[in-house]
């Protein structure tokens, strides 16, 4: 007579495989979120610098169109920019 053994619960190997695969999935998600956020912040800084540069160029352009002088002096925070024709 052969007895049938009913399986109850998980084996240790099954638990380890489940835990390891869960950890791998969580680490992958964390990696993607971390580097995605890092890239977003870097691109945000670049866009802000571009906006400031455009604003500065527009300011200089307006000064040139308004006055049409031989020389333009722009002073900001103690620094001076001189543009000559």
Foldseek 3Di string as FASTA:
>chain_A
DDDDDDDDDDDPVVVVVVVVVVVVVVVVVVVCVVVVVVVVVVVVVVVVVVVVVVVVVVVVVVVCVVPVDQKDWDDDPRDIDIDGD
